[in-house]
N, C-alpha and C. Protein backbone atom coordinates (compact mmCIF):
# COMPACT_ATOMS: atom_id res chain seq x y z
N MET A 1 -7.76 63.45 -108.79
CA MET A 1 -8.87 63.50 -109.33
C MET A 1 -10.32 64.27 -108.28
N GLU A 2 -10.27 62.43 -107.47
CA GLU A 2 -11.10 60.95 -107.24
C GLU A 2 -11.80 62.05 -105.71
N ARG A 3 -10.67 63.24 -105.69
CA ARG A 3 -11.12 64.37 -104.51
C ARG A 3 -10.99 65.26 -104.45
N LEU A 4 -11.60 65.97 -105.56
CA LEU A 4 -11.95 66.97 -106.11
C LEU A 4 -13.17 66.18 -106.11
N ASP A 5 -13.25 65.95 -107.12
CA ASP A 5 -15.21 64.71 -106.77
C ASP A 5 -15.63 64.98 -105.61
N ILE A 6 -15.36 64.39 -104.83
CA ILE A 6 -15.97 64.78 -102.66
C ILE A 6 -15.62 66.37 -102.74
N ARG A 7 -14.62 66.89 -102.70
CA ARG A 7 -15.41 68.80 -102.99
C ARG A 7 -15.90 69.13 -103.83
N THR A 8 -16.69 68.30 -104.97
CA THR A 8 -17.61 69.35 -105.17
C THR A 8 -19.38 68.18 -104.64
N ASN A 9 -18.79 67.45 -104.58
CA ASN A 9 -19.86 66.51 -103.98
C ASN A 9 -20.07 67.22 -102.47
N VAL A 10 -19.61 67.31 -102.08
CA VAL A 10 -19.73 68.80 -100.71
C VAL A 10 -20.88 69.67 -100.62
N GLU A 11 -19.23 70.53 -101.89
CA GLU A 11 -19.93 71.66 -101.58
C GLU A 11 -21.40 71.70 -102.24
N ASP A 12 -21.61 71.13 -103.27
CA ASP A 12 -23.43 70.60 -103.96
C ASP A 12 -24.49 69.79 -102.41
N GLU A 13 -23.64 69.51 -101.74
CA GLU A 13 -24.74 69.63 -100.46
C GLU A 13 -24.69 70.73 -99.54
N TRP A 14 -24.45 71.25 -99.35
CA TRP A 14 -24.17 72.77 -98.76
C TRP A 14 -24.70 73.93 -99.58
N ILE A 15 -24.86 73.73 -101.14
CA ILE A 15 -25.36 74.59 -101.86
C ILE A 15 -27.15 73.82 -101.07
N GLY A 16 -27.13 73.40 -100.92
CA GLY A 16 -28.49 72.41 -101.64
C GLY A 16 -28.89 72.35 -99.79
N LEU A 17 -28.35 72.85 -99.01
CA LEU A 17 -29.05 73.09 -97.15
C LEU A 17 -29.44 74.13 -97.10
N MET A 18 -27.74 75.03 -97.53
CA MET A 18 -28.42 76.25 -97.28
C MET A 18 -30.18 76.88 -98.45
N TRP A 19 -29.39 75.99 -99.68
CA TRP A 19 -31.32 76.28 -100.20
C TRP A 19 -32.58 76.29 -99.43
N GLU A 20 -32.55 74.76 -99.04
CA GLU A 20 -33.16 74.89 -98.39
C GLU A 20 -33.30 75.40 -96.77
N ALA A 21 -32.93 75.43 -95.91
CA ALA A 21 -32.79 76.23 -95.06
C ALA A 21 -33.40 77.97 -95.51
N LYS A 22 -32.40 78.33 -96.46
CA LYS A 22 -33.88 79.78 -97.47
C LYS A 22 -34.67 79.74 -97.22
N GLN A 23 -35.71 78.25 -97.62
CA GLN A 23 -36.53 78.14 -97.36
C GLN A 23 -37.61 78.46 -97.08
N LEU A 24 -37.12 77.37 -95.92
CA LEU A 24 -37.82 76.95 -94.56
C LEU A 24 -37.83 78.51 -93.26
N GLY A 25 -36.84 79.35 -93.87
CA GLY A 25 -36.94 80.77 -93.15
C GLY A 25 -35.60 80.43 -92.25
N LEU A 26 -34.93 80.25 -91.79
CA LEU A 26 -33.28 79.63 -90.59
C LEU A 26 -32.61 80.36 -91.75
N SER A 27 -31.79 81.87 -90.45
CA SER A 27 -30.53 82.33 -90.81
C SER A 27 -29.46 80.66 -90.66
N ILE A 28 -28.48 82.13 -91.20
CA ILE A 28 -27.43 81.15 -90.61
C ILE A 28 -27.07 81.20 -89.13
N GLN A 29 -27.70 81.95 -88.62
CA GLN A 29 -26.56 81.79 -86.91
C GLN A 29 -28.05 80.89 -86.14
N GLU A 30 -28.69 80.77 -87.23
CA GLU A 30 -29.92 79.62 -86.30
C GLU A 30 -29.43 78.06 -86.97
N ILE A 31 -28.56 77.86 -87.97
CA ILE A 31 -28.35 76.64 -88.06
C ILE A 31 -26.91 76.48 -87.60
N ARG A 32 -26.11 78.00 -87.03
CA ARG A 32 -24.64 76.93 -86.11
C ARG A 32 -25.21 76.91 -84.71
N GLU A 33 -26.44 77.60 -84.45
CA GLU A 33 -26.52 77.56 -82.67
C GLU A 33 -27.29 75.58 -82.84
N PHE A 34 -28.10 74.94 -83.63
CA PHE A 34 -28.21 74.25 -84.19
C PHE A 34 -27.38 73.21 -84.26
N LEU A 35 -26.55 72.74 -84.90
CA LEU A 35 -25.63 72.66 -85.24
C LEU A 35 -24.24 71.86 -84.33
N GLN A 36 -24.40 73.11 -83.54
CA GLN A 36 -23.89 73.36 -82.63
C GLN A 36 -23.98 72.36 -80.98
N ALA A 37 -25.50 72.81 -81.18
CA ALA A 37 -26.24 71.72 -80.37
C ALA A 37 -26.05 70.92 -80.20
N ALA A 38 -25.94 70.28 -81.87
CA ALA A 38 -25.90 68.78 -81.92
C ALA A 38 -24.85 67.86 -81.98
N GLN A 39 -23.69 68.62 -81.90
CA GLN A 39 -22.74 68.28 -81.50
C GLN A 39 -21.79 68.09 -79.35
N GLN A 40 -22.95 69.09 -79.52
CA GLN A 40 -22.85 68.90 -77.56
C GLN A 40 -22.88 68.12 -77.48
N GLN A 41 -24.43 67.21 -78.27
CA GLN A 41 -25.09 65.72 -78.03
C GLN A 41 -24.49 64.97 -78.47
N ASP A 42 -23.67 65.14 -79.52
CA ASP A 42 -23.06 63.85 -79.90
C ASP A 42 -22.33 63.30 -79.25
N THR A 43 -21.33 64.58 -78.07
CA THR A 43 -19.55 64.70 -76.49
C THR A 43 -20.41 63.94 -76.27
N ARG A 44 -21.46 64.47 -75.59
CA ARG A 44 -22.34 63.87 -74.12
C ARG A 44 -22.68 62.29 -74.51
N GLU A 45 -22.70 62.48 -75.01
CA GLU A 45 -24.18 60.51 -75.38
C GLU A 45 -22.42 59.46 -76.13
N SER A 46 -20.65 59.54 -76.41
CA SER A 46 -19.87 58.85 -76.45
C SER A 46 -19.03 58.70 -75.30
């Protein structure tokens, strides 16, 4: 049951983030590029 709650929370958070991105006029492609750049930065810092 705990696992289901975590999944629901993650899905709710993702929906919220997508809604905020839409309000800011960001496309999914722009978000992907940002996440890739952030991941590369994390890799370099590790």
